Amino acid sequence: MEIREGVREDVAQIAALHAESWRTAYAGIMPTGFLSGPLLENRLELWGARLLGPEPGAGLFVAAGEGEIAGFAYLVPRPDGRLLLDNLHARPGRTGSGIGGQLLQHALTWAAAEHPERAVYLEVLRANTRAIAFYERHGAVRTDERVCLFEQGFALPEFEYTWAAQPASAHSGAFSQ
């Protein structure tokens, strides 16, 4: 399994994995109608836009092997000076295999090299206890609690988790582009 930068040709696989991951991880958390609706089409639109017109300073990384994407991570700079780990997904059925941990470590190393002295944070639904345990095992600290308003018309409580900013001198710039 190699971790590499995501490319335009990955759109369909990333979107399908993202939809499958949400349908699996959020069953019983998000409304059934939303999860069984046009989620794949929505994810195709999202990832098509992200890869055709990338956000400056964003990073997309995929864990790939044998022609299949087994997971991905996406980070994007936010106006408050932090980096949002907006997505971290391992293919359902492959969770617990180390893919998520490898992607997370790669993403945090990249963030420290490309965006030194910026904290990395994420938002996780409060009911997603498996993900919360994963982030806590990997050193994230809960820094906020709020309600996430979804454009589809529902709201769910979420937590914010953060990894402290790393100094520029801590990394060699291995991810310079």
N, C-alpha and C. Protein backbone atom coordinates (compact mmCIF):
# COMPACT_ATOMS: atom_id res chain seq x y z
N MET A 1 0.85 -1.17 0.00
CA MET A 1 0.00 0.00 0.00
C MET A 1 0.90 1.24 0.00
N GLU A 2 0.68 2.12 -0.95
CA GLU A 2 1.44 3.36 -1.00
C GLU A 2 0.51 4.53 -0.72
N ILE A 3 1.05 5.56 -0.13
CA ILE A 3 0.29 6.80 0.05
C ILE A 3 0.86 7.81 -0.93
N ARG A 4 -0.02 8.36 -1.73
CA ARG A 4 0.39 9.31 -2.77
C ARG A 4 -0.61 10.45 -2.81
N GLU A 5 -0.27 11.48 -3.57
CA GLU A 5 -1.19 12.59 -3.76
C GLU A 5 -2.36 12.13 -4.62
N GLY A 6 -3.54 12.64 -4.30
CA GLY A 6 -4.71 12.35 -5.12
C GLY A 6 -4.65 13.14 -6.41
N VAL A 7 -5.17 12.53 -7.49
CA VAL A 7 -5.18 13.16 -8.81
C VAL A 7 -6.59 13.09 -9.39
N ARG A 8 -6.81 13.85 -10.46
CA ARG A 8 -8.15 13.93 -11.09
C ARG A 8 -8.74 12.56 -11.42
N GLU A 9 -7.89 11.65 -11.83
CA GLU A 9 -8.36 10.31 -12.20
C GLU A 9 -8.91 9.53 -11.00
N ASP A 10 -8.70 10.03 -9.80
CA ASP A 10 -9.18 9.37 -8.59
C ASP A 10 -10.60 9.77 -8.20
N VAL A 11 -11.19 10.74 -8.88
CA VAL A 11 -12.48 11.30 -8.46
C VAL A 11 -13.52 10.22 -8.21
N ALA A 12 -13.74 9.34 -9.16
CA ALA A 12 -14.81 8.34 -9.04
C ALA A 12 -14.57 7.40 -7.85
N GLN A 13 -13.34 6.93 -7.69
CA GLN A 13 -13.05 6.02 -6.57
C GLN A 13 -13.16 6.73 -5.22
N ILE A 14 -12.67 7.97 -5.14
CA ILE A 14 -12.76 8.71 -3.88
C ILE A 14 -14.22 8.97 -3.53
N ALA A 15 -15.00 9.41 -4.50
CA ALA A 15 -16.42 9.70 -4.25
C ALA A 15 -17.17 8.44 -3.81
N ALA A 16 -16.91 7.33 -4.46
CA ALA A 16 -17.58 6.08 -4.10
C ALA A 16 -17.18 5.62 -2.69
N LEU A 17 -15.89 5.72 -2.38
CA LEU A 17 -15.42 5.34 -1.05
C LEU A 17 -16.03 6.28 0.00
N HIS A 18 -16.08 7.58 -0.29
CA HIS A 18 -16.64 8.56 0.64
C HIS A 18 -18.12 8.24 0.93
N ALA A 19 -18.89 7.99 -0.10
CA ALA A 19 -20.31 7.66 0.08
C ALA A 19 -20.48 6.36 0.86
N GLU A 20 -19.70 5.34 0.50
CA GLU A 20 -19.78 4.05 1.19
C GLU A 20 -19.39 4.19 2.66
N SER A 21 -18.36 4.98 2.93
CA SER A 21 -17.91 5.20 4.29
C SER A 21 -18.99 5.90 5.11
N TRP A 22 -19.61 6.93 4.57
CA TRP A 22 -20.68 7.63 5.28
C TRP A 22 -21.85 6.70 5.53
N ARG A 23 -22.23 5.92 4.53
CA ARG A 23 -23.38 5.02 4.70
C ARG A 23 -23.12 3.99 5.78
N THR A 24 -21.89 3.58 5.92
CA THR A 24 -21.52 2.59 6.94
C THR A 24 -21.34 3.23 8.31
N ALA A 25 -20.50 4.26 8.39
CA ALA A 25 -20.17 4.86 9.67
C ALA A 25 -21.32 5.65 10.29
N TYR A 26 -22.17 6.22 9.46
CA TYR A 26 -23.22 7.10 9.97
C TYR A 26 -24.60 6.46 9.98
N ALA A 27 -24.69 5.16 9.70
CA ALA A 27 -25.98 4.46 9.81
C ALA A 27 -26.45 4.56 11.25
N GLY A 28 -27.66 5.01 11.44
CA GLY A 28 -28.20 5.19 12.78
C GLY A 28 -27.83 6.52 13.41
N ILE A 29 -26.97 7.29 12.75
CA ILE A 29 -26.58 8.61 13.24
C ILE A 29 -27.21 9.70 12.37
N MET A 30 -27.00 9.58 11.05
CA MET A 30 -27.59 10.52 10.10
C MET A 30 -28.94 9.96 9.64
N PRO A 31 -29.83 10.82 9.18
CA PRO A 31 -31.12 10.34 8.69
C PRO A 31 -30.97 9.31 7.56
N THR A 32 -31.74 8.26 7.64
CA THR A 32 -31.70 7.19 6.63
C THR A 32 -31.98 7.73 5.24
N GLY A 33 -32.93 8.65 5.15
CA GLY A 33 -33.27 9.23 3.84
C GLY A 33 -32.10 9.93 3.20
N PHE A 34 -31.28 10.58 3.99
CA PHE A 34 -30.09 11.24 3.47
C PHE A 34 -29.07 10.21 3.00
N LEU A 35 -28.81 9.20 3.82
CA LEU A 35 -27.80 8.20 3.47
C LEU A 35 -28.21 7.34 2.29
N SER A 36 -29.51 7.12 2.12
CA SER A 36 -29.97 6.29 1.00
C SER A 36 -30.30 7.14 -0.23
N GLY A 37 -30.16 8.44 -0.12
CA GLY A 37 -30.45 9.34 -1.24
C GLY A 37 -29.29 9.44 -2.21
N PRO A 38 -29.23 10.55 -2.92
CA PRO A 38 -28.19 10.74 -3.96
C PRO A 38 -26.83 11.12 -3.38
N LEU A 39 -26.40 10.39 -2.38
CA LEU A 39 -25.13 10.68 -1.72
C LEU A 39 -23.94 10.52 -2.67
N LEU A 40 -23.94 9.47 -3.46
CA LEU A 40 -22.83 9.26 -4.40
C LEU A 40 -22.74 10.42 -5.39
N GLU A 41 -23.86 10.84 -5.93
CA GLU A 41 -23.86 11.95 -6.88
C GLU A 41 -23.32 13.22 -6.22
N ASN A 42 -23.72 13.44 -4.97
CA ASN A 42 -23.24 14.59 -4.22
C ASN A 42 -21.73 14.52 -4.02
N ARG A 43 -21.22 13.35 -3.67
CA ARG A 43 -19.78 13.19 -3.45
C ARG A 43 -19.01 13.32 -4.77
N LEU A 44 -19.58 12.83 -5.88
CA LEU A 44 -18.94 12.99 -7.18
C LEU A 44 -18.79 14.47 -7.53
N GLU A 45 -19.83 15.23 -7.26
CA GLU A 45 -19.79 16.67 -7.52
C GLU A 45 -18.74 17.35 -6.64
N LEU A 46 -18.73 17.00 -5.37
CA LEU A 46 -17.77 17.59 -4.43
C LEU A 46 -16.33 17.30 -4.85
N TRP A 47 -16.02 16.02 -5.10
CA TRP A 47 -14.63 15.66 -5.41
C TRP A 47 -14.23 16.09 -6.80
N GLY A 48 -15.17 16.13 -7.73
CA GLY A 48 -14.86 16.68 -9.05
C GLY A 48 -14.43 18.14 -8.93
N ALA A 49 -15.17 18.92 -8.15
CA ALA A 49 -14.83 20.33 -7.95
C ALA A 49 -13.49 20.48 -7.23
N ARG A 50 -13.26 19.66 -6.21
CA ARG A 50 -12.01 19.77 -5.44
C ARG A 50 -10.79 19.42 -6.28
N LEU A 51 -10.92 18.46 -7.18
CA LEU A 51 -9.76 18.04 -7.96
C LEU A 51 -9.60 18.82 -9.27
N LEU A 52 -10.67 19.40 -9.77
CA LEU A 52 -10.55 20.20 -10.99
C LEU A 52 -10.13 21.63 -10.69
N GLY A 53 -10.48 22.13 -9.53
CA GLY A 53 -10.11 23.47 -9.11
C GLY A 53 -9.61 23.44 -7.69
N PRO A 54 -8.44 22.87 -7.46
CA PRO A 54 -7.98 22.66 -6.09
C PRO A 54 -7.85 23.96 -5.29
N GLU A 55 -8.18 23.85 -4.03
CA GLU A 55 -8.03 24.95 -3.07
C GLU A 55 -6.54 25.18 -2.85
N PRO A 56 -6.05 26.41 -2.95
CA PRO A 56 -4.64 26.67 -2.69
C PRO A 56 -4.24 26.20 -1.28
N GLY A 57 -3.16 25.47 -1.22
CA GLY A 57 -2.64 25.00 0.06
C GLY A 57 -3.26 23.73 0.58
N ALA A 58 -4.25 23.18 -0.14
CA ALA A 58 -4.91 21.94 0.30
C ALA A 58 -4.06 20.74 -0.06
N GLY A 59 -4.29 19.64 0.65
CA GLY A 59 -3.58 18.40 0.38
C GLY A 59 -4.55 17.24 0.36
N LEU A 60 -4.49 16.43 -0.68
CA LEU A 60 -5.31 15.22 -0.80
C LEU A 60 -4.36 14.04 -0.95
N PHE A 61 -4.52 13.07 -0.08
CA PHE A 61 -3.65 11.90 -0.09
C PHE A 61 -4.49 10.64 -0.12
N VAL A 62 -4.09 9.68 -0.95
CA VAL A 62 -4.81 8.42 -1.05
C VAL A 62 -3.88 7.27 -0.70
N ALA A 63 -4.44 6.28 -0.05
CA ALA A 63 -3.75 5.02 0.20
C ALA A 63 -4.22 4.09 -0.91
N ALA A 64 -3.30 3.69 -1.78
CA ALA A 64 -3.68 2.92 -2.95
C ALA A 64 -2.80 1.69 -3.10
N GLY A 65 -3.40 0.66 -3.65
CA GLY A 65 -2.68 -0.56 -3.95
C GLY A 65 -3.54 -1.49 -4.76
N GLU A 66 -2.94 -2.19 -5.68
CA GLU A 66 -3.65 -3.16 -6.52
C GLU A 66 -4.84 -2.53 -7.23
N GLY A 67 -4.65 -1.28 -7.72
CA GLY A 67 -5.68 -0.61 -8.51
C GLY A 67 -6.86 -0.09 -7.73
N GLU A 68 -6.78 -0.13 -6.40
CA GLU A 68 -7.91 0.30 -5.57
C GLU A 68 -7.45 1.33 -4.55
N ILE A 69 -8.30 2.33 -4.33
CA ILE A 69 -8.04 3.29 -3.26
C ILE A 69 -8.67 2.72 -1.99
N ALA A 70 -7.84 2.51 -0.98
CA ALA A 70 -8.29 1.92 0.27
C ALA A 70 -8.62 2.97 1.33
N GLY A 71 -8.23 4.22 1.07
CA GLY A 71 -8.52 5.29 2.01
C GLY A 71 -8.01 6.60 1.46
N PHE A 72 -8.44 7.70 2.09
CA PHE A 72 -7.96 9.01 1.68
C PHE A 72 -8.07 9.99 2.83
N ALA A 73 -7.26 11.06 2.73
CA ALA A 73 -7.28 12.16 3.69
C ALA A 73 -7.21 13.46 2.90
N TYR A 74 -7.96 14.45 3.37
CA TYR A 74 -7.99 15.75 2.71
C TYR A 74 -7.88 16.84 3.76
N LEU A 75 -6.92 17.74 3.58
CA LEU A 75 -6.71 18.88 4.47
C LEU A 75 -6.84 20.17 3.68
N VAL A 76 -7.39 21.19 4.34
CA VAL A 76 -7.58 22.48 3.67
C VAL A 76 -7.33 23.61 4.66
N PRO A 77 -6.58 24.64 4.23
CA PRO A 77 -6.35 25.80 5.11
C PRO A 77 -7.67 26.53 5.37
N ARG A 78 -7.82 27.01 6.59
CA ARG A 78 -9.02 27.76 6.97
C ARG A 78 -8.64 29.21 7.26
N PRO A 79 -9.62 30.12 7.15
CA PRO A 79 -9.33 31.55 7.37
C PRO A 79 -8.78 31.87 8.76
N ASP A 80 -9.06 31.01 9.75
CA ASP A 80 -8.57 31.28 11.11
C ASP A 80 -7.11 30.90 11.31
N GLY A 81 -6.43 30.46 10.24
CA GLY A 81 -5.01 30.13 10.32
C GLY A 81 -4.72 28.68 10.62
N ARG A 82 -5.76 27.87 10.82
CA ARG A 82 -5.56 26.45 11.09
C ARG A 82 -5.78 25.66 9.80
N LEU A 83 -5.48 24.36 9.87
CA LEU A 83 -5.77 23.43 8.77
C LEU A 83 -6.90 22.51 9.22
N LEU A 84 -7.89 22.35 8.38
CA LEU A 84 -9.00 21.45 8.66
C LEU A 84 -8.73 20.10 8.00
N LEU A 85 -8.69 19.05 8.80
CA LEU A 85 -8.66 17.70 8.27
C LEU A 85 -10.12 17.39 7.96
N ASP A 86 -10.53 17.71 6.74
CA ASP A 86 -11.94 17.67 6.37
C ASP A 86 -12.42 16.25 6.10
N ASN A 87 -11.52 15.39 5.70
CA ASN A 87 -11.90 14.00 5.43
C ASN A 87 -10.75 13.08 5.79
N LEU A 88 -11.09 11.98 6.43
CA LEU A 88 -10.17 10.87 6.66
C LEU A 88 -11.03 9.62 6.66
N HIS A 89 -10.91 8.83 5.61
CA HIS A 89 -11.76 7.65 5.45
C HIS A 89 -10.93 6.45 5.02
N ALA A 90 -11.22 5.32 5.62
CA ALA A 90 -10.69 4.03 5.17
C ALA A 90 -11.88 3.25 4.63
N ARG A 91 -11.63 2.47 3.61
CA ARG A 91 -12.71 1.69 2.99
C ARG A 91 -13.37 0.79 4.04
N PRO A 92 -14.70 0.83 4.12
CA PRO A 92 -15.39 -0.10 5.03
C PRO A 92 -14.94 -1.53 4.75
N GLY A 93 -14.74 -2.26 5.82
CA GLY A 93 -14.18 -3.61 5.72
C GLY A 93 -12.67 -3.61 5.88
N ARG A 94 -12.05 -2.44 5.73
CA ARG A 94 -10.59 -2.32 5.91
C ARG A 94 -10.26 -1.45 7.13
N THR A 95 -11.31 -0.94 7.81
CA THR A 95 -11.05 -0.15 9.02
C THR A 95 -10.40 -1.07 10.05
N GLY A 96 -9.54 -0.50 10.84
CA GLY A 96 -8.82 -1.29 11.84
C GLY A 96 -7.58 -1.96 11.29
N SER A 97 -7.28 -1.75 10.02
CA SER A 97 -6.12 -2.40 9.40
C SER A 97 -4.87 -1.52 9.40
N GLY A 98 -4.98 -0.30 9.91
CA GLY A 98 -3.84 0.60 9.94
C GLY A 98 -3.83 1.64 8.85
N ILE A 99 -4.73 1.54 7.89
CA ILE A 99 -4.77 2.50 6.79
C ILE A 99 -5.05 3.91 7.30
N GLY A 100 -6.03 4.04 8.19
CA GLY A 100 -6.36 5.36 8.73
C GLY A 100 -5.20 5.98 9.49
N GLY A 101 -4.53 5.18 10.30
CA GLY A 101 -3.38 5.68 11.05
C GLY A 101 -2.25 6.13 10.14
N GLN A 102 -2.00 5.37 9.08
CA GLN A 102 -0.95 5.74 8.12
C GLN A 102 -1.31 7.04 7.41
N LEU A 103 -2.57 7.14 6.98
CA LEU A 103 -3.01 8.37 6.31
C LEU A 103 -2.94 9.57 7.26
N LEU A 104 -3.37 9.37 8.48
CA LEU A 104 -3.34 10.46 9.45
C LEU A 104 -1.90 10.92 9.69
N GLN A 105 -1.00 9.99 9.91
CA GLN A 105 0.40 10.36 10.13
C GLN A 105 0.97 11.08 8.92
N HIS A 106 0.67 10.60 7.74
CA HIS A 106 1.14 11.25 6.51
C HIS A 106 0.59 12.67 6.43
N ALA A 107 -0.70 12.83 6.71
CA ALA A 107 -1.35 14.14 6.64
C ALA A 107 -0.74 15.11 7.65
N LEU A 108 -0.52 14.64 8.87
CA LEU A 108 0.05 15.52 9.90
C LEU A 108 1.50 15.90 9.58
N THR A 109 2.27 14.96 9.03
CA THR A 109 3.64 15.25 8.63
C THR A 109 3.66 16.26 7.50
N TRP A 110 2.78 16.06 6.51
CA TRP A 110 2.66 17.01 5.40
C TRP A 110 2.26 18.39 5.91
N ALA A 111 1.29 18.44 6.82
CA ALA A 111 0.81 19.72 7.35
C ALA A 111 1.95 20.46 8.05
N ALA A 112 2.75 19.75 8.84
CA ALA A 112 3.85 20.39 9.55
C ALA A 112 4.92 20.91 8.59
N ALA A 113 5.14 20.19 7.49
CA ALA A 113 6.14 20.61 6.51
C ALA A 113 5.64 21.75 5.62
N GLU A 114 4.40 21.66 5.18
CA GLU A 114 3.85 22.64 4.24
C GLU A 114 3.21 23.84 4.92
N HIS A 115 2.72 23.66 6.12
CA HIS A 115 2.02 24.72 6.86
C HIS A 115 2.53 24.75 8.30
N PRO A 116 3.84 24.98 8.47
CA PRO A 116 4.39 24.93 9.82
C PRO A 116 3.71 25.95 10.73
N GLU A 117 3.65 25.55 11.97
CA GLU A 117 3.09 26.39 13.03
C GLU A 117 1.59 26.64 12.87
N ARG A 118 0.91 25.77 12.12
CA ARG A 118 -0.55 25.81 12.03
C ARG A 118 -1.10 24.55 12.69
N ALA A 119 -2.04 24.73 13.58
CA ALA A 119 -2.69 23.57 14.19
C ALA A 119 -3.57 22.88 13.15
N VAL A 120 -3.75 21.59 13.31
CA VAL A 120 -4.65 20.80 12.47
C VAL A 120 -5.84 20.41 13.35
N TYR A 121 -7.04 20.59 12.81
CA TYR A 121 -8.23 20.21 13.57
C TYR A 121 -9.20 19.47 12.66
N LEU A 122 -10.17 18.84 13.29
CA LEU A 122 -11.23 18.18 12.56
C LEU A 122 -12.52 18.30 13.35
N GLU A 123 -13.61 18.02 12.68
CA GLU A 123 -14.92 17.99 13.31
C GLU A 123 -15.45 16.57 13.16
N VAL A 124 -15.97 16.01 14.25
CA VAL A 124 -16.45 14.64 14.25
C VAL A 124 -17.80 14.61 14.96
N LEU A 125 -18.74 13.90 14.39
CA LEU A 125 -20.05 13.81 15.02
C LEU A 125 -19.92 13.14 16.38
N ARG A 126 -20.60 13.69 17.37
CA ARG A 126 -20.50 13.20 18.75
C ARG A 126 -20.87 11.73 18.86
N ALA A 127 -21.80 11.28 18.03
CA ALA A 127 -22.23 9.88 18.09
C ALA A 127 -21.26 8.92 17.40
N ASN A 128 -20.25 9.44 16.71
CA ASN A 128 -19.28 8.60 16.01
C ASN A 128 -18.15 8.22 16.98
N THR A 129 -18.51 7.39 17.93
CA THR A 129 -17.59 7.05 19.03
C THR A 129 -16.35 6.30 18.55
N ARG A 130 -16.49 5.50 17.51
CA ARG A 130 -15.32 4.77 16.99
C ARG A 130 -14.28 5.75 16.45
N ALA A 131 -14.72 6.76 15.70
CA ALA A 131 -13.79 7.76 15.17
C ALA A 131 -13.18 8.58 16.31
N ILE A 132 -13.99 8.95 17.29
CA ILE A 132 -13.47 9.72 18.42
C ILE A 132 -12.36 8.95 19.13
N ALA A 133 -12.58 7.68 19.37
CA ALA A 133 -11.56 6.86 20.02
C ALA A 133 -10.28 6.81 19.18
N PHE A 134 -10.42 6.70 17.87
CA PHE A 134 -9.27 6.68 16.95
C PHE A 134 -8.48 7.99 17.07
N TYR A 135 -9.17 9.12 16.99
CA TYR A 135 -8.47 10.41 17.06
C TYR A 135 -7.79 10.61 18.40
N GLU A 136 -8.44 10.22 19.48
CA GLU A 136 -7.83 10.35 20.80
C GLU A 136 -6.60 9.45 20.93
N ARG A 137 -6.67 8.23 20.38
CA ARG A 137 -5.50 7.34 20.40
C ARG A 137 -4.32 7.95 19.64
N HIS A 138 -4.64 8.78 18.65
CA HIS A 138 -3.60 9.39 17.82
C HIS A 138 -3.27 10.81 18.26
N GLY A 139 -3.55 11.14 19.50
CA GLY A 139 -3.07 12.38 20.09
C GLY A 139 -3.92 13.62 19.93
N ALA A 140 -5.09 13.52 19.34
CA ALA A 140 -5.96 14.69 19.20
C ALA A 140 -6.59 15.02 20.55
N VAL A 141 -6.81 16.30 20.77
CA VAL A 141 -7.40 16.79 22.01
C VAL A 141 -8.70 17.50 21.67
N ARG A 142 -9.75 17.19 22.42
CA ARG A 142 -11.04 17.85 22.19
C ARG A 142 -10.91 19.33 22.57
N THR A 143 -11.27 20.20 21.61
CA THR A 143 -11.12 21.64 21.82
C THR A 143 -12.42 22.42 21.71
N ASP A 144 -13.49 21.79 21.27
CA ASP A 144 -14.76 22.51 21.16
C ASP A 144 -15.91 21.52 21.00
N GLU A 145 -17.11 22.03 21.17
CA GLU A 145 -18.33 21.25 21.00
C GLU A 145 -19.37 22.19 20.42
N ARG A 146 -20.10 21.73 19.41
CA ARG A 146 -21.11 22.57 18.77
C ARG A 146 -22.10 21.69 18.04
N VAL A 147 -23.00 22.31 17.29
CA VAL A 147 -23.97 21.59 16.49
C VAL A 147 -23.63 21.84 15.03
N CYS A 148 -23.56 20.77 14.25
CA CYS A 148 -23.29 20.86 12.81
C CYS A 148 -24.63 20.96 12.09
N LEU A 149 -24.79 22.01 11.30
CA LEU A 149 -26.00 22.20 10.50
C LEU A 149 -25.73 21.71 9.09
N PHE A 150 -26.47 20.71 8.66
CA PHE A 150 -26.31 20.16 7.32
C PHE A 150 -27.25 20.86 6.36
N GLU A 151 -26.77 21.14 5.16
CA GLU A 151 -27.58 21.84 4.16
C GLU A 151 -28.82 21.05 3.77
N GLN A 152 -28.84 19.76 4.07
CA GLN A 152 -30.00 18.92 3.75
C GLN A 152 -31.12 19.07 4.77
N GLY A 153 -30.92 19.92 5.79
CA GLY A 153 -31.99 20.24 6.71
C GLY A 153 -31.99 19.51 8.04
N PHE A 154 -30.86 18.98 8.46
CA PHE A 154 -30.81 18.36 9.78
C PHE A 154 -29.56 18.87 10.51
N ALA A 155 -29.56 18.70 11.81
CA ALA A 155 -28.46 19.16 12.65
C ALA A 155 -28.05 18.04 13.61
N LEU A 156 -26.75 17.92 13.84
CA LEU A 156 -26.22 16.89 14.74
C LEU A 156 -25.11 17.47 15.60
N PRO A 157 -25.03 17.07 16.86
CA PRO A 157 -23.94 17.56 17.71
C PRO A 157 -22.60 16.99 17.26
N GLU A 158 -21.58 17.84 17.35
CA GLU A 158 -20.23 17.42 16.96
C GLU A 158 -19.20 17.96 17.93
N PHE A 159 -18.05 17.33 17.89
CA PHE A 159 -16.89 17.77 18.65
C PHE A 159 -15.84 18.25 17.66
N GLU A 160 -14.98 19.13 18.16
CA GLU A 160 -13.79 19.53 17.42
C GLU A 160 -12.60 18.92 18.16
N TYR A 161 -11.67 18.33 17.40
CA TYR A 161 -10.43 17.78 17.95
C TYR A 161 -9.27 18.47 17.25
N THR A 162 -8.18 18.69 17.99
CA THR A 162 -7.05 19.44 17.46
C THR A 162 -5.72 18.76 17.79
N TRP A 163 -4.80 18.86 16.85
CA TRP A 163 -3.39 18.53 17.07
C TRP A 163 -2.65 19.86 17.08
N ALA A 164 -1.81 20.07 18.06
CA ALA A 164 -1.09 21.33 18.20
C ALA A 164 -0.20 21.58 16.99
N ALA A 165 0.02 22.85 16.72
CA ALA A 165 0.91 23.26 15.63
C ALA A 165 2.32 22.76 15.90
N GLN A 166 3.02 22.39 14.83
CA GLN A 166 4.41 21.94 14.94
C GLN A 166 5.32 23.05 14.41
N PRO A 167 6.44 23.29 15.06
CA PRO A 167 7.36 24.33 14.58
C PRO A 167 7.97 23.95 13.24
N ALA A 168 8.30 24.96 12.45
CA ALA A 168 8.88 24.75 11.12
C ALA A 168 10.16 23.94 11.19
N SER A 169 10.94 24.12 12.22
CA SER A 169 12.24 23.43 12.33
C SER A 169 12.10 21.94 12.61
N ALA A 170 10.89 21.48 12.92
CA ALA A 170 10.70 20.07 13.28
C ALA A 170 10.67 19.15 12.06
N HIS A 171 10.59 19.72 10.86
CA HIS A 171 10.46 18.89 9.65
C HIS A 171 11.39 19.38 8.57
N SER A 172 11.78 18.45 7.72
CA SER A 172 12.80 18.77 6.70
C SER A 172 12.23 19.33 5.41
N GLY A 173 10.91 19.44 5.29
CA GLY A 173 10.34 19.93 4.04
C GLY A 173 10.22 18.84 2.99
N ALA A 174 10.10 17.59 3.42
CA ALA A 174 10.04 16.46 2.50
C ALA A 174 8.86 16.54 1.55
N PHE A 175 7.87 17.35 1.87
CA PHE A 175 6.69 17.42 1.03
C PHE A 175 6.65 18.69 0.20
N SER A 176 7.75 19.40 0.09
CA SER A 176 7.77 20.64 -0.70
C SER A 176 7.36 20.35 -2.13
N GLN A 177 6.58 21.26 -2.66
CA GLN A 177 6.07 21.06 -4.03
C GLN A 177 6.60 22.13 -4.93
